Amino acid sequence: MRFGKGRESQNVEDRRGGSFPVGGKSIGIGTIVIALVAMYFGIDPSVVLNSGLVTEPPTAVEQAPAPPADDEMARFVSLVLADTEDTWRTLFKESGKVYQEPKLVLYTGTTPTACGTGQAAMGPFYCPGDQKVYIDLSFYQDLKERFQAPGDFAQAYVIAHEIGHHVQNQLGIADQVQRSRQRAGEAEGNRLSVKQELQADCLAGVWAFHADKARQVLEAGDVEEAMAAATAIGDDRLQKQAQGYAVPDSFTHGSSQQRVRWFRRGLESGRVATCDTFSAASL
């Protein structure tokens, strides 16, 4: 990717090596263990975490510092985040809305969030409760070695996907899905989750379209890197790696083929309207 000396986001918090208490909600250790098992089998851990939330009295939130200037990986994350900010701010403005920029939190191992305790084993995730994206940068090593999906654009895709969830939250889509899932059975709830995740993939593609159009950030091979990452973290592939077979009714993120298809749809169209997975005749 060609970011060069682009703008770095001021919305990155560096919790690595520190302890930063967050009030609001927490979960028990049993819920964390179940969520980790769920993640291993390709199931969305947020389903478990959301069901295990316990309300606590609010406490003060300690603001984490920005990452050090000489941290190249943190700088890359900051550059990508800044680019998503520029893109979505423009797109929201064009539709008469105001984009509220999310925070992105770098952490190691575990960290408190408004959605419970975040665990590195869950991979990057977005918490609508505090409107923050959380990522342990060791995930990028897993992406390269375990999932065989190296490259800077593969890394950028991961961030853009989580920002896609923030866009869904800003547009009220996330709340609608959550309400529908509460009324649905397990199988239907999983299908709704798949549609939400595939839409976030498509929105990541929309970002890439506009970022390249405005700032020419894509280089040869970048799109292939993102496709490789989308393929690597499809539910079918993860389940086959974990247990030798896939169970489509338990999918919560979509198959590798679906994830690639929806990312490409956003990338080729650049239009949010094309990302309506909930009305699509087929995924």
C-alpha atoms as a PDB file:
ATOM      1  CA  MET A   1       0.000   0.000   0.000  1.00  0.00           C
ATOM      2  CA  ARG A   2       1.115   3.561  -0.662  1.00  0.00           C
ATOM      3  CA  PHE A   3       0.490   5.606   2.452  1.00  0.00           C
ATOM      4  CA  GLY A   4       3.869   7.342   2.514  1.00  0.00           C
ATOM      5  CA  LYS A   5       3.743  10.337   4.804  1.00  0.00           C
ATOM      6  CA  GLY A   6      -0.016  10.400   5.063  1.00  0.00           C
ATOM      7  CA  ARG A   7      -1.971  11.689   8.020  1.00  0.00           C
ATOM      8  CA  GLU A   8      -1.867   9.599  11.188  1.00  0.00           C
ATOM      9  CA  SER A   9      -4.992   9.249  13.281  1.00  0.00           C
ATOM     10  CA  GLN A  10      -5.155  10.807  16.738  1.00  0.00           C
ATOM     11  CA  ASN A  11      -7.657   8.145  17.797  1.00  0.00           C
ATOM     12  CA  VAL A  12      -5.215   5.353  18.607  1.00  0.00           C
ATOM     13  CA  GLU A  13      -4.838   4.319  22.256  1.00  0.00           C
ATOM     14  CA  ASP A  14      -1.843   2.240  23.295  1.00  0.00           C
ATOM     15  CA  ARG A  15      -2.658  -0.016  26.254  1.00  0.00           C
ATOM     16  CA  ARG A  16       0.246  -2.366  25.685  1.00  0.00           C
ATOM     17  CA  GLY A  17       2.113  -2.873  28.900  1.00  0.00           C
ATOM     18  CA  GLY A  18      -0.430  -0.941  30.965  1.00  0.00           C
ATOM     19  CA  SER A  19      -3.613  -1.443  32.967  1.00  0.00           C
ATOM     20  CA  PHE A  20      -6.543   0.780  32.122  1.00  0.00           C
ATOM     21  CA  PRO A  21      -9.771   0.222  34.085  1.00  0.00           C
ATOM     22  CA  VAL A  22     -13.011   0.702  32.218  1.00  0.00           C
ATOM     23  CA  GLY A  23     -16.353   0.967  33.961  1.00  0.00           C
ATOM     24  CA  GLY A  24     -19.709  -0.227  32.740  1.00  0.00           C
ATOM     25  CA  LYS A  25     -19.841  -3.976  32.161  1.00  0.00           C
ATOM     26  CA  SER A  26     -17.750  -7.037  32.820  1.00  0.00           C
ATOM     27  CA  ILE A  27     -17.938 -10.789  32.363  1.00  0.00           C
ATOM     28  CA  GLY A  28     -16.925 -13.760  34.462  1.00  0.00           C
ATOM     29  CA  ILE A  29     -13.986 -16.054  33.786  1.00  0.00           C
ATOM     30  CA  GLY A  30     -16.353 -18.873  32.801  1.00  0.00           C
ATOM     31  CA  THR A  31     -17.841 -16.731  30.057  1.00  0.00           C
ATOM     32  CA  ILE A  32     -14.354 -15.859  28.804  1.00  0.00           C
ATOM     33  CA  VAL A  33     -13.418 -19.557  28.586  1.00  0.00           C
ATOM     34  CA  ILE A  34     -16.604 -20.376  26.661  1.00  0.00           C
ATOM     35  CA  ALA A  35     -15.963 -17.458  24.305  1.00  0.00           C
ATOM     36  CA  LEU A  36     -12.439 -18.720  23.608  1.00  0.00           C
ATOM     37  CA  VAL A  37     -13.776 -22.191  22.818  1.00  0.00           C
ATOM     38  CA  ALA A  38     -16.380 -20.619  20.545  1.00  0.00           C
ATOM     39  CA  MET A  39     -13.667 -18.670  18.712  1.00  0.00           C
ATOM     40  CA  TYR A  40     -11.667 -21.874  18.216  1.00  0.00           C
ATOM     41  CA  PHE A  41     -14.593 -23.455  16.401  1.00  0.00           C
ATOM     42  CA  GLY A  42     -15.193 -20.415  14.223  1.00  0.00           C
ATOM     43  CA  ILE A  43     -18.135 -19.080  16.238  1.00  0.00           C
ATOM     44  CA  ASP A  44     -18.489 -15.353  16.857  1.00  0.00           C
ATOM     45  CA  PRO A  45     -17.318 -14.825  20.485  1.00  0.00           C
ATOM     46  CA  SER A  46     -19.445 -11.675  20.799  1.00  0.00           C
ATOM     47  CA  VAL A  47     -22.528 -13.898  20.947  1.00  0.00           C
ATOM     48  CA  VAL A  48     -21.165 -15.449  24.138  1.00  0.00           C
ATOM     49  CA  LEU A  49     -19.742 -12.222  25.528  1.00  0.00           C
ATOM     50  CA  ASN A  50     -22.961 -10.262  25.028  1.00  0.00           C
ATOM     51  CA  SER A  51     -24.970 -12.928  26.815  1.00  0.00           C
ATOM     52  CA  GLY A  52     -22.549 -12.952  29.751  1.00  0.00           C
ATOM     53  CA  LEU A  53     -22.387  -9.241  30.468  1.00  0.00           C
ATOM     54  CA  VAL A  54     -22.840  -8.101  34.046  1.00  0.00           C
ATOM     55  CA  THR A  55     -23.573  -4.485  34.849  1.00  0.00           C
ATOM     56  CA  GLU A  56     -21.265  -2.772  37.313  1.00  0.00           C
ATOM     57  CA  PRO A  57     -21.227   0.759  38.727  1.00  0.00           C
ATOM     58  CA  PRO A  58     -19.410   3.139  36.356  1.00  0.00           C
ATOM     59  CA  THR A  59     -15.796   3.900  37.177  1.00  0.00           C
ATOM     60  CA  ALA A  60     -13.332   6.376  35.760  1.00  0.00           C
ATOM     61  CA  VAL A  61     -11.740   5.546  32.443  1.00  0.00           C
ATOM     62  CA  GLU A  62      -8.017   6.133  32.211  1.00  0.00           C
ATOM     63  CA  GLN A  63      -7.048   7.469  28.791  1.00  0.00           C
ATOM     64  CA  ALA A  64      -4.274   5.399  27.271  1.00  0.00           C
ATOM     65  CA  PRO A  65      -1.416   7.266  25.595  1.00  0.00           C
ATOM     66  CA  ALA A  66      -0.736   7.360  21.864  1.00  0.00           C
ATOM     67  CA  PRO A  67       1.793   4.777  20.612  1.00  0.00           C
ATOM     68  CA  PRO A  68       5.456   5.797  20.353  1.00  0.00           C
ATOM     69  CA  ALA A  69       6.438   7.539  17.138  1.00  0.00           C
ATOM     70  CA  ASP A  70       9.099   4.942  16.264  1.00  0.00           C
ATOM     71  CA  ASP A  71       6.691   1.977  16.398  1.00  0.00           C
ATOM     72  CA  GLU A  72       6.295   1.140  12.699  1.00  0.00           C
ATOM     73  CA  MET A  73       3.422  -1.319  13.080  1.00  0.00           C
ATOM     74  CA  ALA A  74       1.471   1.063  15.303  1.00  0.00           C
ATOM     75  CA  ARG A  75       2.163   3.836  12.783  1.00  0.00           C
ATOM     76  CA  PHE A  76       0.783   1.671   9.980  1.00  0.00           C
ATOM     77  CA  VAL A  77      -2.392   1.030  11.982  1.00  0.00           C
ATOM     78  CA  SER A  78      -2.690   4.763  12.623  1.00  0.00           C
ATOM     79  CA  LEU A  79      -2.306   5.544   8.913  1.00  0.00           C
ATOM     80  CA  VAL A  80      -4.993   3.026   7.949  1.00  0.00           C
ATOM     81  CA  LEU A  81      -7.341   4.307  10.639  1.00  0.00           C
ATOM     82  CA  ALA A  82      -6.813   7.900   9.451  1.00  0.00           C
ATOM     83  CA  ASP A  83      -7.647   6.854   5.913  1.00  0.00           C
ATOM     84  CA  THR A  84     -10.888   5.196   7.032  1.00  0.00           C
ATOM     85  CA  GLU A  85     -11.742   8.392   8.910  1.00  0.00           C
ATOM     86  CA  ASP A  86     -11.221  10.522   5.816  1.00  0.00           C
ATOM     87  CA  THR A  87     -13.254   8.155   3.640  1.00  0.00           C
ATOM     88  CA  TRP A  88     -16.232   7.653   5.938  1.00  0.00           C
ATOM     89  CA  ARG A  89     -16.362  11.292   6.987  1.00  0.00           C
ATOM     90  CA  THR A  90     -16.770  12.219   3.316  1.00  0.00           C
ATOM     91  CA  LEU A  91     -19.322   9.503   2.554  1.00  0.00           C
ATOM     92  CA  PHE A  92     -21.420  10.364   5.611  1.00  0.00           C
ATOM     93  CA  LYS A  93     -21.318  14.052   4.729  1.00  0.00           C
ATOM     94  CA  GLU A  94     -22.496  13.306   1.198  1.00  0.00           C
ATOM     95  CA  SER A  95     -25.540  11.535   2.647  1.00  0.00           C
ATOM     96  CA  GLY A  96     -26.302  14.343   5.110  1.00  0.00           C
ATOM     97  CA  LYS A  97     -24.890  12.580   8.170  1.00  0.00           C
ATOM     98  CA  VAL A  98     -21.994  13.201  10.552  1.00  0.00           C
ATOM     99  CA  TYR A  99     -19.427  10.464  11.040  1.00  0.00           C
ATOM    100  CA  GLN A 100     -18.329   9.955  14.640  1.00  0.00           C
ATOM    101  CA  GLU A 101     -14.757   8.664  14.584  1.00  0.00           C
ATOM    102  CA  PRO A 102     -14.109   5.528  16.648  1.00  0.00           C
ATOM    103  CA  LYS A 103     -11.077   4.883  18.813  1.00  0.00           C
ATOM    104  CA  LEU A 104      -8.691   2.031  18.059  1.00  0.00           C
ATOM    105  CA  VAL A 105      -7.056   0.351  21.036  1.00  0.00           C
ATOM    106  CA  LEU A 106      -3.762  -1.531  20.851  1.00  0.00           C
ATOM    107  CA  TYR A 107      -3.379  -4.056  23.650  1.00  0.00           C
ATOM    108  CA  THR A 108      -1.522  -7.224  24.586  1.00  0.00           C
ATOM    109  CA  GLY A 109      -3.182 -10.361  25.912  1.00  0.00           C
ATOM    110  CA  THR A 110      -6.310  -9.019  27.583  1.00  0.00           C
ATOM    111  CA  THR A 111      -7.987  -5.666  28.046  1.00  0.00           C
ATOM    112  CA  PRO A 112     -11.213  -4.372  29.640  1.00  0.00           C
ATOM    113  CA  THR A 113     -13.896  -3.102  27.279  1.00  0.00           C
ATOM    114  CA  ALA A 114     -17.520  -2.003  27.542  1.00  0.00           C
ATOM    115  CA  CYS A 115     -18.396  -5.394  26.028  1.00  0.00           C
ATOM    116  CA  GLY A 116     -16.475  -7.414  28.611  1.00  0.00           C
ATOM    117  CA  THR A 117     -12.862  -8.534  28.769  1.00  0.00           C
ATOM    118  CA  GLY A 118     -11.176  -8.593  25.379  1.00  0.00           C
ATOM    119  CA  GLN A 119      -8.877 -11.532  24.677  1.00  0.00           C
ATOM    120  CA  ALA A 120      -6.170 -11.674  22.013  1.00  0.00           C
ATOM    121  CA  ALA A 121      -7.347 -15.184  21.084  1.00  0.00           C
ATOM    122  CA  MET A 122     -10.599 -13.684  19.818  1.00  0.00           C
ATOM    123  CA  GLY A 123      -8.796 -11.685  17.161  1.00  0.00           C
ATOM    124  CA  PRO A 124      -9.590  -8.035  16.377  1.00  0.00           C
ATOM    125  CA  PHE A 125     -13.099  -6.928  17.348  1.00  0.00           C
ATOM    126  CA  TYR A 126     -15.373  -3.908  17.581  1.00  0.00           C
ATOM    127  CA  CYS A 127     -17.279  -3.024  20.751  1.00  0.00           C
ATOM    128  CA  PRO A 128     -20.408  -0.931  20.099  1.00  0.00           C
ATOM    129  CA  GLY A 129     -20.695  -0.147  23.810  1.00  0.00           C
ATOM    130  CA  ASP A 130     -17.649   2.141  23.754  1.00  0.00           C
ATOM    131  CA  GLN A 131     -17.327   2.525  19.965  1.00  0.00           C
ATOM    132  CA  LYS A 132     -13.777   1.197  19.930  1.00  0.00           C
ATOM    133  CA  VAL A 133     -11.874  -1.269  17.789  1.00  0.00           C
ATOM    134  CA  TYR A 134      -9.546  -3.543  19.732  1.00  0.00           C
ATOM    135  CA  ILE A 135      -6.526  -5.325  18.287  1.00  0.00           C
ATOM    136  CA  ASP A 136      -3.571  -7.231  19.668  1.00  0.00           C
ATOM    137  CA  LEU A 137      -0.929  -6.746  16.988  1.00  0.00           C
ATOM    138  CA  SER A 138       0.225 -10.354  17.422  1.00  0.00           C
ATOM    139  CA  PHE A 139      -2.825 -11.189  15.285  1.00  0.00           C
ATOM    140  CA  TYR A 140      -0.921  -9.942  12.259  1.00  0.00           C
ATOM    141  CA  GLN A 141       1.742 -12.551  12.890  1.00  0.00           C
ATOM    142  CA  ASP A 142      -1.014 -15.183  13.041  1.00  0.00           C
ATOM    143  CA  LEU A 143      -2.459 -13.802   9.815  1.00  0.00           C
ATOM    144  CA  LYS A 144       0.896 -14.288   8.138  1.00  0.00           C
ATOM    145  CA  GLU A 145       1.959 -17.616   9.629  1.00  0.00           C
ATOM    146  CA  ARG A 146      -1.177 -19.491  10.712  1.00  0.00           C
ATOM    147  CA  PHE A 147      -3.550 -18.203   8.036  1.00  0.00           C
ATOM    148  CA  GLN A 148      -0.957 -17.777   5.249  1.00  0.00           C
ATOM    149  CA  ALA A 149      -2.272 -14.297   4.442  1.00  0.00           C
ATOM    150  CA  PRO A 150       0.690 -11.876   4.618  1.00  0.00           C
ATOM    151  CA  GLY A 151       0.877  -8.328   3.315  1.00  0.00           C
ATOM    152  CA  ASP A 152       0.063  -4.804   4.402  1.00  0.00           C
ATOM    153  CA  PHE A 153      -3.249  -4.651   2.567  1.00  0.00           C
ATOM    154  CA  ALA A 154      -4.371  -7.863   4.262  1.00  0.00           C
ATOM    155  CA  GLN A 155      -3.648  -6.087   7.547  1.00  0.00           C
ATOM    156  CA  ALA A 156      -5.501  -2.990   6.397  1.00  0.00           C
ATOM    157  CA  TYR A 157      -8.505  -5.111   5.379  1.00  0.00           C
ATOM    158  CA  VAL A 158      -8.782  -6.424   8.942  1.00  0.00           C
ATOM    159  CA  ILE A 159      -8.971  -2.890  10.335  1.00  0.00           C
ATOM    160  CA  ALA A 160     -11.378  -1.764   7.616  1.00  0.00           C
ATOM    161  CA  HIS A 161     -13.686  -4.694   8.404  1.00  0.00           C
ATOM    162  CA  GLU A 162     -13.900  -3.689  12.073  1.00  0.00           C
ATOM    163  CA  ILE A 163     -14.490  -0.069  11.055  1.00  0.00           C
ATOM    164  CA  GLY A 164     -17.299  -1.470   8.907  1.00  0.00           C
ATOM    165  CA  HIS A 165     -18.939  -2.612  12.140  1.00  0.00           C
ATOM    166  CA  HIS A 166     -18.599   0.921  13.486  1.00  0.00           C
ATOM    167  CA  VAL A 167     -20.317   2.242  10.364  1.00  0.00           C
ATOM    168  CA  GLN A 168     -23.124  -0.270  10.960  1.00  0.00           C
ATOM    169  CA  ASN A 169     -23.385   0.998  14.517  1.00  0.00           C
ATOM    170  CA  GLN A 170     -23.513   4.621  13.354  1.00  0.00           C
ATOM    171  CA  LEU A 171     -26.260   3.816  10.852  1.00  0.00           C
ATOM    172  CA  GLY A 172     -28.374   1.920  13.391  1.00  0.00           C
ATOM    173  CA  ILE A 173     -27.927  -1.408  11.612  1.00  0.00           C
ATOM    174  CA  ALA A 174     -26.133  -3.057  14.518  1.00  0.00           C
ATOM    175  CA  ASP A 175     -29.005  -2.299  16.921  1.00  0.00           C
ATOM    176  CA  GLN A 176     -31.566  -3.656  14.470  1.00  0.00           C
ATOM    177  CA  VAL A 177     -29.602  -6.885  14.073  1.00  0.00           C
ATOM    178  CA  GLN A 178     -29.173  -7.270  17.825  1.00  0.00           C
ATOM    179  CA  ARG A 179     -32.911  -6.850  18.426  1.00  0.00           C
ATOM    180  CA  SER A 180     -33.719  -9.358  15.702  1.00  0.00           C
ATOM    181  CA  ARG A 181     -31.227 -11.871  17.087  1.00  0.00           C
ATOM    182  CA  GLN A 182     -32.786 -11.643  20.525  1.00  0.00           C
ATOM    183  CA  ARG A 183     -36.124 -12.742  19.055  1.00  0.00           C
ATOM    184  CA  ALA A 184     -34.663 -15.401  16.769  1.00  0.00           C
ATOM    185  CA  GLY A 185     -33.645 -18.983  17.339  1.00  0.00           C
ATOM    186  CA  GLU A 186     -30.027 -20.083  17.206  1.00  0.00           C
ATOM    187  CA  ALA A 187     -29.943 -20.923  13.497  1.00  0.00           C
ATOM    188  CA  GLU A 188     -31.660 -17.692  12.457  1.00  0.00           C
ATOM    189  CA  GLY A 189     -29.460 -15.717  14.849  1.00  0.00           C
ATOM    190  CA  ASN A 190     -26.389 -17.191  13.167  1.00  0.00           C
ATOM    191  CA  ARG A 191     -27.722 -16.260   9.724  1.00  0.00           C
ATOM    192  CA  LEU A 192     -28.255 -12.674  10.858  1.00  0.00           C
ATOM    193  CA  SER A 193     -24.708 -12.605  12.217  1.00  0.00           C
ATOM    194  CA  VAL A 194     -23.364 -13.849   8.874  1.00  0.00           C
ATOM    195  CA  LYS A 195     -25.225 -11.097   7.021  1.00  0.00           C
ATOM    196  CA  GLN A 196     -23.850  -8.488   9.418  1.00  0.00           C
ATOM    197  CA  GLU A 197     -20.286  -9.744   9.011  1.00  0.00           C
ATOM    198  CA  LEU A 198     -20.506  -9.964   5.222  1.00  0.00           C
ATOM    199  CA  GLN A 199     -21.842  -6.424   5.127  1.00  0.00           C
ATOM    200  CA  ALA A 200     -18.791  -5.308   7.133  1.00  0.00           C
ATOM    201  CA  ASP A 201     -16.603  -7.053   4.535  1.00  0.00           C
ATOM    202  CA  CYS A 202     -18.429  -5.166   1.786  1.00  0.00           C
ATOM    203  CA  LEU A 203     -18.015  -1.871   3.645  1.00  0.00           C
ATOM    204  CA  ALA A 204     -14.287  -2.586   3.904  1.00  0.00           C
ATOM    205  CA  GLY A 205     -14.317  -2.877   0.121  1.00  0.00           C
ATOM    206  CA  VAL A 206     -16.172   0.441  -0.173  1.00  0.00           C
ATOM    207  CA  TRP A 207     -13.427   2.073   1.894  1.00  0.00           C
ATOM    208  CA  ALA A 208     -10.712   0.586  -0.323  1.00  0.00           C
ATOM    209  CA  PHE A 209     -12.470   1.838  -3.470  1.00  0.00           C
ATOM    210  CA  HIS A 210     -12.648   5.427  -2.238  1.00  0.00           C
ATOM    211  CA  ALA A 211      -9.208   5.418  -0.597  1.00  0.00           C
ATOM    212  CA  ASP A 212      -7.635   4.356  -3.872  1.00  0.00           C
ATOM    213  CA  LYS A 213      -9.728   6.764  -5.943  1.00  0.00           C
ATOM    214  CA  ALA A 214      -8.822   9.739  -3.746  1.00  0.00           C
ATOM    215  CA  ARG A 215      -5.277   8.864  -2.708  1.00  0.00           C
ATOM    216  CA  GLN A 216      -4.079   6.040  -5.014  1.00  0.00           C
ATOM    217  CA  VAL A 217      -3.123   3.791  -2.109  1.00  0.00           C
ATOM    218  CA  LEU A 218      -3.366   0.416  -3.865  1.00  0.00           C
ATOM    219  CA  GLU A 219      -0.392  -1.296  -5.461  1.00  0.00           C
ATOM    220  CA  ALA A 220      -0.110  -4.432  -7.575  1.00  0.00           C
ATOM    221  CA  GLY A 221      -1.013  -7.489  -5.498  1.00  0.00           C
ATOM    222  CA  ASP A 222      -2.864  -5.568  -2.767  1.00  0.00           C
ATOM    223  CA  VAL A 223      -6.323  -6.804  -3.737  1.00  0.00           C
ATOM    224  CA  GLU A 224      -5.046 -10.375  -3.846  1.00  0.00           C
ATOM    225  CA  GLU A 225      -3.702  -9.944  -0.304  1.00  0.00           C
ATOM    226  CA  ALA A 226      -7.120  -8.879   0.954  1.00  0.00           C
ATOM    227  CA  MET A 227      -8.796 -11.764  -0.861  1.00  0.00           C
ATOM    228  CA  ALA A 228      -6.340 -14.180   0.737  1.00  0.00           C
ATOM    229  CA  ALA A 229      -7.138 -12.783   4.179  1.00  0.00           C
ATOM    230  CA  ALA A 230     -10.901 -12.986   3.583  1.00  0.00           C
ATOM    231  CA  THR A 231     -10.499 -16.570   2.402  1.00  0.00           C
ATOM    232  CA  ALA A 232      -8.317 -17.531   5.357  1.00  0.00           C
ATOM    233  CA  ILE A 233     -10.843 -16.444   7.992  1.00  0.00           C
ATOM    234  CA  GLY A 234     -13.989 -17.875   6.411  1.00  0.00           C
ATOM    235  CA  ASP A 235     -16.058 -20.009   8.798  1.00  0.00           C
ATOM    236  CA  ASP A 236     -15.812 -23.102   6.614  1.00  0.00           C
ATOM    237  CA  ARG A 237     -12.034 -22.949   6.457  1.00  0.00           C
ATOM    238  CA  LEU A 238     -11.630 -22.254  10.189  1.00  0.00           C
ATOM    239  CA  GLN A 239     -13.993 -25.061  11.163  1.00  0.00           C
ATOM    240  CA  LYS A 240     -12.282 -27.545   8.861  1.00  0.00           C
ATOM    241  CA  GLN A 241      -8.926 -26.617  10.399  1.00  0.00           C
ATOM    242  CA  ALA A 242     -10.312 -27.018  13.914  1.00  0.00           C
ATOM    243  CA  GLN A 243     -12.485 -30.120  13.585  1.00  0.00           C
ATOM    244  CA  GLY A 244     -12.031 -31.506  10.095  1.00  0.00           C
ATOM    245  CA  TYR A 245     -15.460 -30.543   8.763  1.00  0.00           C
ATOM    246  CA  ALA A 246     -17.737 -27.521   8.448  1.00  0.00           C
ATOM    247  CA  VAL A 247     -21.219 -26.996   9.899  1.00  0.00           C
ATOM    248  CA  PRO A 248     -22.910 -24.270   7.814  1.00  0.00           C
ATOM    249  CA  ASP A 249     -25.764 -23.716  10.296  1.00  0.00           C
ATOM    250  CA  SER A 250     -23.179 -22.662  12.887  1.00  0.00           C
ATOM    251  CA  PHE A 251     -21.474 -20.120  10.623  1.00  0.00           C
ATOM    252  CA  THR A 252     -21.421 -16.614  12.097  1.00  0.00           C
ATOM    253  CA  HIS A 253     -19.100 -14.786   9.684  1.00  0.00           C
ATOM    254  CA  GLY A 254     -19.699 -16.467   6.342  1.00  0.00           C
ATOM    255  CA  SER A 255     -17.782 -18.881   4.168  1.00  0.00           C
ATOM    256  CA  SER A 256     -14.495 -17.971   2.506  1.00  0.00           C
ATOM    257  CA  GLN A 257     -16.256 -17.641  -0.844  1.00  0.00           C
ATOM    258  CA  GLN A 258     -18.934 -15.358   0.611  1.00  0.00           C
ATOM    259  CA  ARG A 259     -16.427 -13.127   2.362  1.00  0.00           C
ATOM    260  CA  VAL A 260     -14.399 -12.679  -0.815  1.00  0.00           C
ATOM    261  CA  ARG A 261     -17.543 -12.048  -2.875  1.00  0.00           C
ATOM    262  CA  TRP A 262     -18.874  -9.284  -0.621  1.00  0.00           C
ATOM    263  CA  PHE A 263     -15.531  -7.578  -0.149  1.00  0.00           C
ATOM    264  CA  ARG A 264     -15.101  -7.524  -3.917  1.00  0.00           C
ATOM    265  CA  ARG A 265     -18.619  -6.173  -4.371  1.00  0.00           C
ATOM    266  CA  GLY A 266     -17.812  -3.152  -2.214  1.00  0.00           C
ATOM    267  CA  LEU A 267     -14.413  -2.712  -3.817  1.00  0.00           C
ATOM    268  CA  GLU A 268     -15.818  -2.726  -7.351  1.00  0.00           C
ATOM    269  CA  SER A 269     -18.867  -0.523  -6.710  1.00  0.00           C
ATOM    270  CA  GLY A 270     -17.720   1.898  -4.026  1.00  0.00           C
ATOM    271  CA  ARG A 271     -21.364   2.258  -2.999  1.00  0.00           C
ATOM    272  CA  VAL A 272     -22.796   1.476   0.426  1.00  0.00           C
ATOM    273  CA  ALA A 273     -26.122   0.603  -1.199  1.00  0.00           C
ATOM    274  CA  THR A 274     -24.575  -2.471  -2.826  1.00  0.00           C
ATOM    275  CA  CYS A 275     -23.727  -3.835   0.635  1.00  0.00           C
ATOM    276  CA  ASP A 276     -27.309  -4.675   1.641  1.00  0.00           C
ATOM    277  CA  THR A 277     -26.717  -8.287   2.607  1.00  0.00           C
ATOM    278  CA  PHE A 278     -29.986  -8.366   4.526  1.00  0.00           C
ATOM    279  CA  SER A 279     -32.090  -7.962   1.375  1.00  0.00           C
ATOM    280  CA  ALA A 280     -29.878 -10.032  -0.911  1.00  0.00           C
ATOM    281  CA  ALA A 281     -31.559 -13.011  -2.579  1.00  0.00           C
ATOM    282  CA  SER A 282     -28.398 -15.034  -1.937  1.00  0.00           C
ATOM    283  CA  LEU A 283     -25.142 -14.457  -0.115  1.00  0.00           C
END
